[in-house]
Amino acid sequence: MKRKYEEQLLRLPNVNGVGIGQKAGKEVIKVYVTRRVTISTLQPHEVIPKMLEGYETDVEEIGAVTAQIKTV
């Protein structure tokens, strides 16, 4: 399920990750964003759907994602 929508969701502004998780005991599609924004600041085609094929989406703010360099 995640793979089917991952590419589409990652094209949306502010989205930097997609996964599968749990919310209230139900499996959901997790959408990780740099920061949460109000729907009114987005164009209609930029809004993360509330449901995808019967699975709820759960938007989680995680901040900026950067590569980490391992130092020895």
N, C-alpha and C. Protein backbone atom coordinates (compact mmCIF):
# COMPACT_ATOMS: atom_id res chain seq x y z
N MET A 1 0.82 -1.19 0.00
CA MET A 1 0.00 0.00 0.00
C MET A 1 0.87 1.26 0.00
N LYS A 2 1.84 1.31 0.89
CA LYS A 2 2.69 2.50 0.99
C LYS A 2 3.39 2.78 -0.32
N ARG A 3 3.94 1.76 -0.93
CA ARG A 3 4.69 1.95 -2.18
C ARG A 3 3.83 2.54 -3.28
N LYS A 4 2.56 2.17 -3.30
CA LYS A 4 1.65 2.64 -4.34
C LYS A 4 1.52 4.16 -4.31
N TYR A 5 1.57 4.77 -3.13
CA TYR A 5 1.36 6.20 -2.98
C TYR A 5 2.61 6.98 -2.58
N GLU A 6 3.68 6.30 -2.29
CA GLU A 6 4.88 6.95 -1.78
C GLU A 6 5.41 8.03 -2.72
N GLU A 7 5.58 7.70 -3.98
CA GLU A 7 6.12 8.67 -4.94
C GLU A 7 5.21 9.90 -5.06
N GLN A 8 3.91 9.66 -5.13
CA GLN A 8 2.93 10.76 -5.23
C GLN A 8 3.00 11.66 -4.01
N LEU A 9 3.05 11.08 -2.82
CA LEU A 9 3.09 11.87 -1.59
C LEU A 9 4.40 12.64 -1.45
N LEU A 10 5.52 12.02 -1.85
CA LEU A 10 6.82 12.68 -1.73
C LEU A 10 6.95 13.89 -2.66
N ARG A 11 6.11 13.98 -3.67
CA ARG A 11 6.12 15.15 -4.56
C ARG A 11 5.45 16.36 -3.94
N LEU A 12 4.68 16.15 -2.89
CA LEU A 12 3.97 17.26 -2.25
C LEU A 12 4.96 18.14 -1.48
N PRO A 13 4.69 19.46 -1.45
CA PRO A 13 5.60 20.34 -0.71
C PRO A 13 5.62 19.97 0.77
N ASN A 14 6.82 20.04 1.35
CA ASN A 14 6.96 19.85 2.78
C ASN A 14 7.01 18.38 3.22
N VAL A 15 6.69 17.43 2.33
CA VAL A 15 6.71 16.01 2.67
C VAL A 15 8.12 15.47 2.49
N ASN A 16 8.66 14.80 3.52
CA ASN A 16 10.01 14.26 3.39
C ASN A 16 10.10 12.78 3.77
N GLY A 17 8.96 12.13 3.97
CA GLY A 17 8.98 10.70 4.25
C GLY A 17 7.59 10.10 4.30
N VAL A 18 7.51 8.79 4.02
CA VAL A 18 6.24 8.07 4.04
C VAL A 18 6.51 6.71 4.67
N GLY A 19 5.61 6.25 5.52
CA GLY A 19 5.77 4.95 6.15
C GLY A 19 4.43 4.36 6.55
N ILE A 20 4.49 3.22 7.20
CA ILE A 20 3.30 2.55 7.73
C ILE A 20 3.41 2.59 9.25
N GLY A 21 2.32 2.89 9.92
CA GLY A 21 2.35 2.95 11.38
C GLY A 21 1.01 2.60 11.97
N GLN A 22 0.86 2.85 13.25
CA GLN A 22 -0.37 2.57 13.99
C GLN A 22 -0.90 3.86 14.60
N LYS A 23 -2.21 3.99 14.60
CA LYS A 23 -2.86 5.11 15.27
C LYS A 23 -4.18 4.57 15.81
N ALA A 24 -4.35 4.67 17.11
CA ALA A 24 -5.56 4.17 17.77
C ALA A 24 -5.82 2.71 17.42
N GLY A 25 -4.74 1.91 17.34
CA GLY A 25 -4.88 0.49 17.08
C GLY A 25 -5.16 0.11 15.64
N LYS A 26 -5.12 1.09 14.73
CA LYS A 26 -5.38 0.83 13.32
C LYS A 26 -4.13 1.13 12.50
N GLU A 27 -3.92 0.35 11.44
CA GLU A 27 -2.81 0.61 10.55
C GLU A 27 -3.11 1.86 9.72
N VAL A 28 -2.12 2.76 9.63
CA VAL A 28 -2.28 4.01 8.89
C VAL A 28 -1.05 4.24 8.01
N ILE A 29 -1.21 5.12 7.04
CA ILE A 29 -0.08 5.57 6.24
C ILE A 29 0.46 6.82 6.90
N LYS A 30 1.69 6.77 7.36
CA LYS A 30 2.33 7.91 8.02
C LYS A 30 2.95 8.80 6.95
N VAL A 31 2.68 10.09 7.05
CA VAL A 31 3.28 11.06 6.14
C VAL A 31 4.06 12.04 7.01
N TYR A 32 5.37 12.06 6.80
CA TYR A 32 6.26 12.89 7.62
C TYR A 32 6.55 14.20 6.88
N VAL A 33 6.32 15.31 7.58
CA VAL A 33 6.51 16.64 6.98
C VAL A 33 7.53 17.44 7.79
N THR A 34 8.16 18.39 7.12
CA THR A 34 9.11 19.27 7.79
C THR A 34 8.39 20.07 8.85
N ARG A 35 7.24 20.63 8.48
CA ARG A 35 6.42 21.35 9.46
C ARG A 35 4.97 21.30 9.02
N ARG A 36 4.09 21.27 9.99
CA ARG A 36 2.66 21.25 9.69
C ARG A 36 2.22 22.65 9.27
N VAL A 37 1.36 22.71 8.29
CA VAL A 37 0.82 23.99 7.82
C VAL A 37 -0.70 23.85 7.71
N THR A 38 -1.39 24.97 7.71
CA THR A 38 -2.84 24.93 7.57
C THR A 38 -3.21 24.65 6.12
N ILE A 39 -4.32 23.98 5.94
CA ILE A 39 -4.79 23.64 4.60
C ILE A 39 -4.99 24.90 3.76
N SER A 40 -5.38 25.99 4.39
CA SER A 40 -5.64 27.23 3.65
C SER A 40 -4.39 27.80 2.98
N THR A 41 -3.20 27.38 3.42
CA THR A 41 -1.96 27.88 2.81
C THR A 41 -1.52 27.02 1.62
N LEU A 42 -2.24 25.94 1.35
CA LEU A 42 -1.89 25.02 0.27
C LEU A 42 -2.86 25.12 -0.89
N GLN A 43 -2.38 24.80 -2.07
CA GLN A 43 -3.25 24.66 -3.24
C GLN A 43 -3.99 23.32 -3.09
N PRO A 44 -5.17 23.18 -3.68
CA PRO A 44 -5.92 21.93 -3.52
C PRO A 44 -5.11 20.68 -3.89
N HIS A 45 -4.26 20.74 -4.92
CA HIS A 45 -3.49 19.57 -5.34
C HIS A 45 -2.30 19.29 -4.42
N GLU A 46 -2.03 20.17 -3.44
CA GLU A 46 -0.93 20.00 -2.50
C GLU A 46 -1.35 19.40 -1.16
N VAL A 47 -2.64 19.22 -0.96
CA VAL A 47 -3.17 18.73 0.31
C VAL A 47 -3.01 17.21 0.40
N ILE A 48 -2.51 16.73 1.54
CA ILE A 48 -2.38 15.29 1.78
C ILE A 48 -3.78 14.73 1.99
N PRO A 49 -4.17 13.70 1.22
CA PRO A 49 -5.50 13.12 1.39
C PRO A 49 -5.69 12.54 2.79
N LYS A 50 -6.89 12.62 3.32
CA LYS A 50 -7.19 12.06 4.64
C LYS A 50 -7.24 10.54 4.60
N MET A 51 -7.60 9.98 3.44
CA MET A 51 -7.71 8.53 3.27
C MET A 51 -7.12 8.14 1.92
N LEU A 52 -6.51 6.96 1.87
CA LEU A 52 -6.02 6.37 0.63
C LEU A 52 -6.44 4.91 0.62
N GLU A 53 -7.39 4.58 -0.24
CA GLU A 53 -7.91 3.21 -0.36
C GLU A 53 -8.32 2.61 0.98
N GLY A 54 -9.02 3.39 1.78
CA GLY A 54 -9.52 2.89 3.06
C GLY A 54 -8.55 3.01 4.22
N TYR A 55 -7.34 3.45 3.98
CA TYR A 55 -6.36 3.65 5.04
C TYR A 55 -6.27 5.14 5.37
N GLU A 56 -6.37 5.48 6.65
CA GLU A 56 -6.20 6.87 7.06
C GLU A 56 -4.75 7.27 6.89
N THR A 57 -4.55 8.56 6.63
CA THR A 57 -3.19 9.09 6.66
C THR A 57 -3.01 9.82 7.98
N ASP A 58 -1.80 9.77 8.50
CA ASP A 58 -1.46 10.43 9.75
C ASP A 58 -0.24 11.31 9.48
N VAL A 59 -0.42 12.62 9.54
CA VAL A 59 0.66 13.56 9.25
C VAL A 59 1.42 13.85 10.53
N GLU A 60 2.73 13.70 10.47
CA GLU A 60 3.58 13.92 11.64
C GLU A 60 4.71 14.89 11.28
N GLU A 61 4.85 15.94 12.07
CA GLU A 61 5.92 16.91 11.87
C GLU A 61 7.22 16.36 12.46
N ILE A 62 8.28 16.32 11.63
CA ILE A 62 9.56 15.79 12.12
C ILE A 62 10.71 16.77 11.91
N GLY A 63 10.45 17.93 11.34
CA GLY A 63 11.52 18.90 11.10
C GLY A 63 12.30 18.56 9.85
N ALA A 64 13.39 19.27 9.65
CA ALA A 64 14.22 19.06 8.47
C ALA A 64 15.00 17.77 8.61
N VAL A 65 15.12 17.03 7.53
CA VAL A 65 15.88 15.80 7.49
C VAL A 65 17.21 16.09 6.82
N THR A 66 18.30 15.73 7.50
CA THR A 66 19.63 15.94 6.94
C THR A 66 20.44 14.66 7.08
N ALA A 67 21.37 14.49 6.17
CA ALA A 67 22.25 13.32 6.24
C ALA A 67 23.20 13.48 7.42
N GLN A 68 23.45 12.39 8.09
CA GLN A 68 24.37 12.41 9.22
C GLN A 68 25.67 11.74 8.79
N ILE A 69 26.79 12.33 9.15
CA ILE A 69 28.09 11.78 8.82
C ILE A 69 28.64 11.08 10.07
N LYS A 70 29.00 9.83 9.89
CA LYS A 70 29.53 9.07 11.02
C LYS A 70 31.01 9.46 11.21
N THR A 71 31.33 9.85 12.42
CA THR A 71 32.72 10.18 12.73
C THR A 71 33.28 9.09 13.63
N VAL A 72 34.50 8.77 13.40
CA VAL A 72 35.14 7.68 14.17
C VAL A 72 36.09 8.25 15.18
